[in-house]
N, C-alpha and C. Protein backbone atom coordinates (compact mmCIF):
# COMPACT_ATOMS: atom_id res chain seq x y z
N MET A 1 118.22 92.48 112.28
CA MET A 1 118.25 93.47 111.26
C MET A 1 116.87 94.63 111.57
N THR A 2 117.55 95.98 110.97
CA THR A 2 116.78 96.96 111.38
C THR A 2 115.82 97.42 110.02
N MET A 3 114.44 97.64 111.24
CA MET A 3 113.62 97.98 109.36
C MET A 3 113.67 98.88 108.68
N LYS A 4 113.83 97.71 107.53
CA LYS A 4 113.91 99.53 106.43
C LYS A 4 112.64 100.66 106.30
N LYS A 5 112.66 101.76 106.01
CA LYS A 5 111.84 102.61 105.78
C LYS A 5 111.63 103.38 104.29
N VAL A 6 110.71 103.30 104.29
CA VAL A 6 109.85 103.65 102.92
C VAL A 6 109.18 105.55 102.76
N LEU A 7 109.61 105.89 101.72
CA LEU A 7 108.27 107.40 101.61
C LEU A 7 107.53 106.97 100.55
N VAL A 8 106.64 107.27 100.68
CA VAL A 8 105.62 107.33 99.80
C VAL A 8 105.17 108.88 99.23
N VAL A 9 105.48 109.38 98.21
CA VAL A 9 105.12 111.07 97.91
C VAL A 9 104.04 110.93 96.57
N PHE A 10 102.63 111.56 96.95
CA PHE A 10 101.74 111.67 95.95
C PHE A 10 101.31 113.09 95.71
N ASP A 11 100.98 113.24 95.02
CA ASP A 11 100.35 114.53 94.16
C ASP A 11 98.82 114.07 93.56
N SER A 12 98.06 114.56 94.16
CA SER A 12 96.61 113.90 94.48
C SER A 12 95.49 115.59 93.62
N ASN A 13 94.39 115.29 92.92
CA ASN A 13 93.17 116.31 92.65
C ASN A 13 91.97 115.96 93.73
N TYR A 14 91.86 114.91 93.47
CA TYR A 14 90.58 114.15 93.95
C TYR A 14 90.40 113.41 95.12
N GLY A 15 91.98 112.69 95.46
CA GLY A 15 92.18 111.58 96.24
C GLY A 15 92.12 110.54 96.04
N ASN A 16 92.15 110.05 94.71
CA ASN A 16 92.39 108.67 94.25
C ASN A 16 93.76 108.42 94.04
N THR A 17 94.78 109.18 94.05
CA THR A 17 96.27 109.11 93.97
C THR A 17 96.69 108.81 95.35
N GLU A 18 95.98 109.44 96.08
CA GLU A 18 95.83 109.44 97.75
C GLU A 18 96.35 108.29 98.23
N LYS A 19 94.65 108.04 97.57
CA LYS A 19 94.26 106.80 98.25
C LYS A 19 95.13 105.27 97.61
N LEU A 20 95.50 105.51 96.29
CA LEU A 20 96.59 104.60 95.67
C LEU A 20 97.83 104.07 96.78
N GLY A 21 98.20 105.60 96.61
CA GLY A 21 99.43 105.66 97.74
C GLY A 21 99.62 104.89 98.56
N ARG A 22 98.41 105.31 99.84
CA ARG A 22 98.30 105.10 101.14
C ARG A 22 98.07 103.27 100.96
N GLU A 23 97.30 102.83 100.07
CA GLU A 23 96.90 101.16 99.49
C GLU A 23 98.63 100.72 99.24
N ILE A 24 99.52 101.11 98.46
CA ILE A 24 101.24 100.63 98.56
C ILE A 24 101.58 100.77 99.90
N ALA A 25 101.31 101.69 100.77
CA ALA A 25 102.02 101.53 101.68
C ALA A 25 101.78 100.60 102.31
N ALA A 26 100.25 100.52 102.72
CA ALA A 26 99.63 99.21 103.37
C ALA A 26 100.48 97.83 103.27
N GLY A 27 100.42 97.60 101.89
CA GLY A 27 101.26 96.44 101.16
C GLY A 27 102.65 96.47 102.12
N ILE A 28 103.38 97.63 101.48
CA ILE A 28 104.97 97.92 102.10
C ILE A 28 104.54 97.33 103.55
N GLU A 29 103.87 97.91 104.46
CA GLU A 29 103.73 97.43 106.34
C GLU A 29 103.66 96.15 106.41
N GLU A 30 102.60 95.93 105.49
CA GLU A 30 101.82 94.45 105.98
C GLU A 30 102.58 92.88 105.39
N SER A 31 103.96 93.66 104.36
CA SER A 31 105.01 92.61 104.28
C SER A 31 105.90 92.37 105.36
N GLY A 32 106.13 93.49 106.54
CA GLY A 32 106.44 93.25 107.69
C GLY A 32 108.00 93.48 107.62
N LEU A 33 108.48 94.26 106.22
CA LEU A 33 109.61 94.20 105.85
C LEU A 33 110.30 95.85 106.06
N ALA A 34 109.07 96.20 106.29
CA ALA A 34 109.73 98.32 106.06
C ALA A 34 108.40 99.00 106.56
N GLU A 35 108.73 99.68 107.09
CA GLU A 35 107.31 100.69 107.42
C GLU A 35 107.93 101.59 106.50
N CYS A 36 106.27 102.49 106.97
CA CYS A 36 106.16 103.36 105.59
C CYS A 36 105.85 104.73 105.90
N LYS A 37 106.11 106.07 105.42
CA LYS A 37 105.23 106.99 105.28
C LYS A 37 104.58 107.90 104.17
N VAL A 38 103.64 108.41 104.51
CA VAL A 38 103.14 108.80 103.09
C VAL A 38 102.93 110.09 103.67
N ILE A 39 103.06 111.00 102.34
CA ILE A 39 103.23 112.76 102.49
C ILE A 39 102.63 112.78 101.37
N ASN A 40 102.05 114.30 101.06
CA ASN A 40 101.65 114.90 100.10
C ASN A 40 102.81 115.40 99.60
N ILE A 41 102.82 116.10 98.05
CA ILE A 41 104.32 116.83 97.40
C ILE A 41 104.54 117.76 98.03
N ASP A 42 103.72 118.48 99.03
CA ASP A 42 103.96 119.99 99.30
C ASP A 42 105.06 119.75 100.49
N ASP A 43 105.29 118.21 101.10
CA ASP A 43 105.83 118.32 102.41
C ASP A 43 107.07 117.40 101.82
N VAL A 44 107.08 117.75 100.82
CA VAL A 44 108.92 116.83 100.78
C VAL A 44 109.73 117.98 100.92
N GLU A 45 110.03 119.45 100.49
CA GLU A 45 110.79 120.03 101.09
C GLU A 45 111.50 119.97 102.64
N SER A 46 110.57 119.49 103.47
CA SER A 46 110.59 119.87 104.92
C SER A 46 111.21 118.03 105.32
N GLU A 47 111.08 117.35 104.31
CA GLU A 47 111.47 115.99 104.88
C GLU A 47 112.90 115.87 104.57
N ASP A 48 113.27 114.84 105.82
CA ASP A 48 115.03 114.45 105.61
C ASP A 48 115.03 112.83 104.83
N LEU A 49 115.26 113.23 103.71
CA LEU A 49 115.23 112.14 102.74
C LEU A 49 116.27 111.03 103.49
N SER A 50 117.02 111.68 103.74
CA SER A 50 118.61 110.26 103.70
C SER A 50 118.29 109.23 104.66
N VAL A 51 117.22 109.38 105.48
CA VAL A 51 116.64 108.54 106.38
C VAL A 51 115.71 107.17 105.97
N PHE A 52 115.24 107.24 104.57
CA PHE A 52 114.51 106.07 103.51
C PHE A 52 115.30 105.23 102.90
N ASP A 53 114.67 104.23 102.76
CA ASP A 53 115.90 102.95 102.03
C ASP A 53 115.16 103.08 100.53
N GLY A 54 113.90 103.59 100.73
CA GLY A 54 112.90 103.93 98.91
C GLY A 54 112.21 104.80 98.95
N ALA A 55 111.78 105.07 98.02
CA ALA A 55 110.66 106.01 97.86
C ALA A 55 110.00 105.86 96.59
N LEU A 56 108.54 105.93 96.44
CA LEU A 56 107.88 105.94 95.57
C LEU A 56 107.22 107.41 95.48
N PHE A 57 106.69 107.56 94.09
CA PHE A 57 106.63 108.99 93.56
C PHE A 57 105.37 109.05 92.63
N GLY A 58 104.18 109.36 92.99
CA GLY A 58 102.73 108.95 91.96
C GLY A 58 102.07 110.19 92.13
N GLY A 59 101.31 110.31 90.87
CA GLY A 59 100.54 111.40 90.38
C GLY A 59 98.90 110.97 89.13
N PRO A 60 98.57 111.73 89.49
CA PRO A 60 97.50 111.74 88.35
C PRO A 60 98.35 111.89 87.17
N ILE A 61 97.50 111.73 85.55
CA ILE A 61 97.75 111.75 84.34
C ILE A 61 96.97 113.29 84.39
N HIS A 62 97.90 114.47 84.04
CA HIS A 62 96.90 115.27 83.84
C HIS A 62 97.15 116.22 82.02
N ALA A 63 96.43 116.61 81.60
CA ALA A 63 96.84 117.05 79.90
C ALA A 63 97.42 116.11 79.67
N PHE A 64 97.68 114.89 79.46
CA PHE A 64 98.23 113.67 78.57
C PHE A 64 99.95 113.97 79.53
N ARG A 65 100.10 114.05 80.77
CA ARG A 65 101.60 114.38 81.24
C ARG A 65 101.33 114.21 82.89
N ALA A 66 102.59 113.85 83.36
CA ALA A 66 102.46 113.83 84.62
C ALA A 66 102.69 115.53 84.97
N THR A 67 101.56 115.51 86.33
CA THR A 67 101.92 116.99 86.89
C THR A 67 103.14 117.34 87.25
N ARG A 68 102.78 118.82 86.82
CA ARG A 68 104.28 119.60 87.24
C ARG A 68 104.48 119.43 88.67
N GLY A 69 103.58 119.28 89.70
CA GLY A 69 103.78 119.15 90.74
C GLY A 69 104.69 117.69 91.52
N ILE A 70 104.41 116.45 90.87
CA ILE A 70 105.22 115.27 91.13
C ILE A 70 106.57 115.51 90.60
N LYS A 71 106.31 116.23 89.54
CA LYS A 71 107.45 116.10 88.80
C LYS A 71 108.77 117.02 89.46
N GLY A 72 108.08 118.29 90.18
CA GLY A 72 108.66 118.94 90.76
C GLY A 72 109.32 118.17 92.03
N ALA A 73 108.37 117.37 92.84
CA ALA A 73 108.51 116.98 93.87
C ALA A 73 109.75 115.99 93.70
N VAL A 74 109.77 115.36 92.64
CA VAL A 74 110.97 114.51 92.38
C VAL A 74 112.25 115.23 92.27
N LYS A 75 112.67 116.62 91.89
CA LYS A 75 113.39 117.15 91.65
C LYS A 75 113.83 117.31 92.92
N SER A 76 113.03 117.85 94.10
CA SER A 76 113.20 118.38 95.84
C SER A 76 114.30 117.12 95.90
N ALA A 77 113.32 116.23 95.83
CA ALA A 77 113.37 114.97 96.24
C ALA A 77 115.30 114.40 96.11
N ALA A 78 115.67 114.47 95.13
CA ALA A 78 116.48 114.08 94.15
C ALA A 78 118.09 114.98 94.98
N LYS A 79 117.59 116.02 95.57
CA LYS A 79 118.80 116.53 96.04
C LYS A 79 119.06 116.47 97.23
N LYS A 80 118.25 115.96 98.19
CA LYS A 80 117.91 115.30 99.42
C LYS A 80 118.34 113.95 100.01
N GLY A 81 119.20 113.30 99.28
CA GLY A 81 119.62 112.01 99.98
C GLY A 81 118.83 110.43 99.32
N LEU A 82 118.58 111.04 98.01
CA LEU A 82 118.11 109.47 97.59
C LEU A 82 119.13 108.75 97.17
N ASN A 83 119.69 109.30 96.35
CA ASN A 83 121.04 108.19 95.08
C ASN A 83 121.39 106.99 96.16
N ALA A 84 121.10 106.49 94.96
CA ALA A 84 121.54 104.73 94.39
C ALA A 84 120.09 104.17 95.34
N LYS A 85 119.44 104.44 95.57
CA LYS A 85 118.11 103.90 96.63
C LYS A 85 117.17 103.41 95.46
N LEU A 86 116.16 102.62 96.08
CA LEU A 86 115.33 101.92 95.45
C LEU A 86 113.86 103.05 95.31
N VAL A 87 113.59 102.83 94.00
CA VAL A 87 112.70 104.24 93.43
C VAL A 87 111.50 103.22 92.74
N ALA A 88 110.40 104.00 92.54
CA ALA A 88 109.30 103.41 92.08
C ALA A 88 108.44 104.36 91.44
N SER A 89 107.41 104.09 90.47
CA SER A 89 106.42 105.21 90.54
C SER A 89 104.86 104.94 90.04
N PHE A 90 104.10 105.75 90.57
CA PHE A 90 102.72 105.30 90.73
C PHE A 90 101.57 106.51 89.67
N ASP A 91 100.55 105.70 89.15
CA ASP A 91 99.90 107.26 88.90
C ASP A 91 98.03 106.51 88.68
N THR A 92 97.45 107.21 88.39
CA THR A 92 95.86 107.38 88.18
C THR A 92 95.85 107.61 86.61
N TYR A 93 94.63 106.94 85.73
CA TYR A 93 94.58 107.55 84.39
C TYR A 93 92.99 107.01 84.58
N GLN A 94 92.40 107.94 83.45
CA GLN A 94 90.91 107.63 83.28
C GLN A 94 90.55 107.26 82.02
N ALA A 95 91.23 107.55 80.64
CA ALA A 95 91.26 107.02 79.51
C ALA A 95 91.78 106.23 78.92
N PRO A 96 91.77 105.40 78.34
CA PRO A 96 92.29 103.73 78.22
C PRO A 96 94.07 103.86 77.32
N GLY A 97 93.87 105.09 76.31
CA GLY A 97 95.15 105.32 75.82
C GLY A 97 96.16 105.93 77.16
N HIS A 98 95.83 106.40 77.96
CA HIS A 98 96.32 106.96 78.91
C HIS A 98 97.25 106.25 80.14
N VAL A 99 97.29 105.02 79.89
CA VAL A 99 97.81 103.80 80.84
C VAL A 99 98.94 104.22 81.15
N GLY A 100 99.26 104.13 82.13
CA GLY A 100 100.99 104.50 82.48
C GLY A 100 101.65 105.56 81.87
N LYS A 101 101.13 106.59 81.04
CA LYS A 101 101.81 107.68 80.81
C LYS A 101 102.42 108.38 82.05
N ALA A 102 101.66 108.75 83.23
CA ALA A 102 102.48 109.33 83.71
C ALA A 102 103.29 108.74 84.69
N ALA A 103 103.26 107.51 84.78
CA ALA A 103 103.92 107.01 85.92
C ALA A 103 105.46 106.58 85.02
N GLN A 104 105.00 106.56 83.72
CA GLN A 104 106.39 106.38 82.76
C GLN A 104 107.50 107.62 83.14
N GLN A 105 106.57 108.42 82.95
CA GLN A 105 107.19 109.95 82.70
C GLN A 105 107.77 110.49 83.97
N ILE A 106 107.41 109.81 85.62
CA ILE A 106 107.75 110.00 86.92
C ILE A 106 109.03 108.99 86.75
N GLU A 107 108.95 108.15 86.08
CA GLU A 107 110.70 107.11 86.22
C GLU A 107 111.40 107.89 85.20
N SER A 108 110.87 108.52 84.53
CA SER A 108 112.07 109.15 83.78
C SER A 108 113.06 109.80 84.35
N GLU A 109 111.77 110.56 85.18
CA GLU A 109 112.24 112.14 86.00
C GLU A 109 113.46 111.68 86.88
N LEU A 110 112.64 110.42 87.76
CA LEU A 110 113.61 109.44 88.66
C LEU A 110 115.16 109.47 88.12
N LYS A 111 115.16 108.55 86.99
CA LYS A 111 116.40 107.95 86.29
C LYS A 111 116.99 109.70 86.33
N LYS A 112 116.79 110.43 85.49
CA LYS A 112 117.68 111.39 85.24
C LYS A 112 118.08 112.36 86.57
N LYS A 113 116.91 112.30 87.68
CA LYS A 113 117.30 113.16 88.41
C LYS A 113 118.46 112.67 89.73
N ILE A 114 118.03 111.26 90.26
CA ILE A 114 118.56 110.66 91.06
C ILE A 114 119.96 109.83 90.50
N SER A 115 120.90 110.05 91.23
CA SER A 115 122.11 109.35 90.86
C SER A 115 121.76 107.83 91.12
N GLY A 116 122.11 107.15 90.23
CA GLY A 116 122.43 105.54 91.05
C GLY A 116 121.08 104.91 90.83
N ALA A 117 120.43 105.69 90.77
CA ALA A 117 118.97 105.25 91.15
C ALA A 117 118.49 103.53 90.78
N LYS A 118 117.85 102.89 92.05
CA LYS A 118 117.57 101.28 91.13
C LYS A 118 116.32 101.73 91.04
N VAL A 119 115.63 101.46 89.84
CA VAL A 119 114.17 101.53 89.54
C VAL A 119 113.33 100.65 89.26
N ILE A 120 112.21 100.55 89.99
CA ILE A 120 111.50 98.85 89.88
C ILE A 120 110.29 99.44 89.01
N SER A 121 110.42 98.91 87.45
CA SER A 121 109.72 99.15 86.03
C SER A 121 109.05 97.72 85.71
N PRO A 122 108.05 98.15 85.26
CA PRO A 122 107.01 99.23 85.29
C PRO A 122 106.85 99.70 86.30
N GLY A 123 106.12 101.43 86.58
CA GLY A 123 105.41 101.59 88.07
C GLY A 123 104.05 101.01 88.16
N LEU A 124 103.62 101.55 88.87
CA LEU A 124 101.91 100.95 89.17
C LEU A 124 101.13 101.99 87.97
N SER A 125 99.59 101.65 87.52
CA SER A 125 99.19 102.76 86.76
C SER A 125 97.65 102.14 87.10
N ALA A 126 97.22 102.71 87.62
CA ALA A 126 95.22 102.55 88.10
C ALA A 126 94.64 103.20 87.40
N LEU A 127 93.14 103.03 87.16
CA LEU A 127 92.34 103.05 86.60
C LEU A 127 90.98 103.49 87.46
N VAL A 128 90.93 105.02 87.12
CA VAL A 128 89.57 106.07 88.20
C VAL A 128 88.46 106.00 86.81
N LEU A 129 87.42 105.44 87.48
CA LEU A 129 86.36 105.45 86.71
C LEU A 129 85.35 106.65 86.05
N ASP A 130 86.00 107.54 86.87
CA ASP A 130 85.40 109.02 86.33
C ASP A 130 85.94 109.48 86.95
N ARG A 131 85.78 111.46 86.52
CA ARG A 131 86.79 112.53 86.80
C ARG A 131 87.33 112.75 88.00
N LYS A 132 86.26 112.46 88.73
CA LYS A 132 86.74 112.65 90.67
C LYS A 132 86.88 111.52 91.06
N GLY A 133 86.75 109.87 90.26
CA GLY A 133 86.75 108.82 90.91
C GLY A 133 85.28 108.21 91.06
N PRO A 134 85.38 106.94 91.66
CA PRO A 134 86.33 106.09 92.56
C PRO A 134 87.16 105.40 91.62
N LEU A 135 88.62 105.27 92.31
CA LEU A 135 89.14 104.26 91.65
C LEU A 135 88.38 102.44 91.22
N LYS A 136 88.87 101.77 90.04
CA LYS A 136 88.16 100.22 89.96
C LYS A 136 88.66 99.55 91.29
N ASP A 137 87.59 99.06 91.72
CA ASP A 137 87.73 98.20 92.59
C ASP A 137 88.41 97.26 92.77
N ASP A 138 89.14 96.56 91.86
CA ASP A 138 90.39 95.52 91.29
C ASP A 138 91.83 96.68 91.94
N GLU A 139 91.91 97.59 91.51
CA GLU A 139 93.11 98.41 91.65
C GLU A 139 93.68 98.60 92.79
N LEU A 140 93.04 98.61 94.01
CA LEU A 140 93.54 99.00 95.52
C LEU A 140 94.47 97.60 95.60
N PRO A 141 93.43 95.86 95.53
CA PRO A 141 94.28 94.56 95.39
C PRO A 141 96.18 94.79 95.11
N ARG A 142 96.00 95.39 93.76
CA ARG A 142 96.71 95.67 92.85
C ARG A 142 98.19 96.90 93.39
N ALA A 143 97.48 97.41 94.31
CA ALA A 143 98.53 98.28 94.96
C ALA A 143 98.91 98.02 95.89
N ARG A 144 98.10 97.01 96.72
CA ARG A 144 99.05 96.31 97.73
C ARG A 144 99.65 95.22 97.49
N GLU A 145 99.66 94.73 96.56
CA GLU A 145 100.63 93.85 96.01
C GLU A 145 102.12 94.16 95.50
N PHE A 146 101.89 95.61 94.90
CA PHE A 146 102.62 96.63 94.44
C PHE A 146 103.61 96.84 95.24
N GLY A 147 103.10 97.18 96.91
CA GLY A 147 104.18 97.53 97.81
C GLY A 147 104.49 95.95 98.68
N ARG A 148 104.12 95.43 98.35
CA ARG A 148 104.51 93.78 98.67
C ARG A 148 105.77 93.80 98.12
N ILE A 149 105.60 94.08 97.11
CA ILE A 149 107.00 93.61 95.85
C ILE A 149 107.92 94.55 95.91
N PHE A 150 107.16 95.96 96.30
CA PHE A 150 108.36 96.96 96.71
C PHE A 150 109.23 96.87 97.73
N ALA A 151 108.74 96.08 98.97
CA ALA A 151 109.31 96.06 99.97
C ALA A 151 110.26 94.49 100.00
N GLN A 152 109.85 93.71 98.99
CA GLN A 152 110.63 92.26 98.77
C GLN A 152 111.90 92.95 98.11
N GLU A 153 111.68 93.81 96.87
CA GLU A 153 113.07 94.01 96.51
C GLU A 153 113.91 95.18 97.58
N LEU A 154 113.34 95.66 98.19
CA LEU A 154 113.94 96.60 98.99
C LEU A 154 115.28 95.76 100.09
N THR A 155 114.69 94.54 100.53
CA THR A 155 115.41 93.60 101.38
C THR A 155 116.27 92.56 100.83
N GLU A 156 116.28 92.88 99.16
CA GLU A 156 117.09 91.78 98.35
C GLU A 156 118.64 92.07 98.08
């Protein structure tokens, strides 16, 4: 069986969402079921997405919504070979009322833009303790677990 490939795309202001994405990727690779590539939203345009079996998109919540950057990345990615593939979202938040909000919006973009997408729902939402971070301690193990679950789903 050939190794599955997963792409993790992040938008990050202070590095917290990137760190979360890299931790999800580590969980995916630890599973031994898939290999993972992590890229910034700016690199989506130059990436051949048709070679990936699944993709995760994540960004921070900004002014009560997912960033324009991550939504734009989903839109670009959707045209580049993700149809009917496994996808999921993740976000970082600071205020209790914001938990999961950006991830839900990213998920809704994924469903709208990617034809036949298989979405793992809900996405992962992680608490950042201060505006610039760090992530709350137990968020990184949760991210790894989310990565392992994604890899598992990919092979079913």
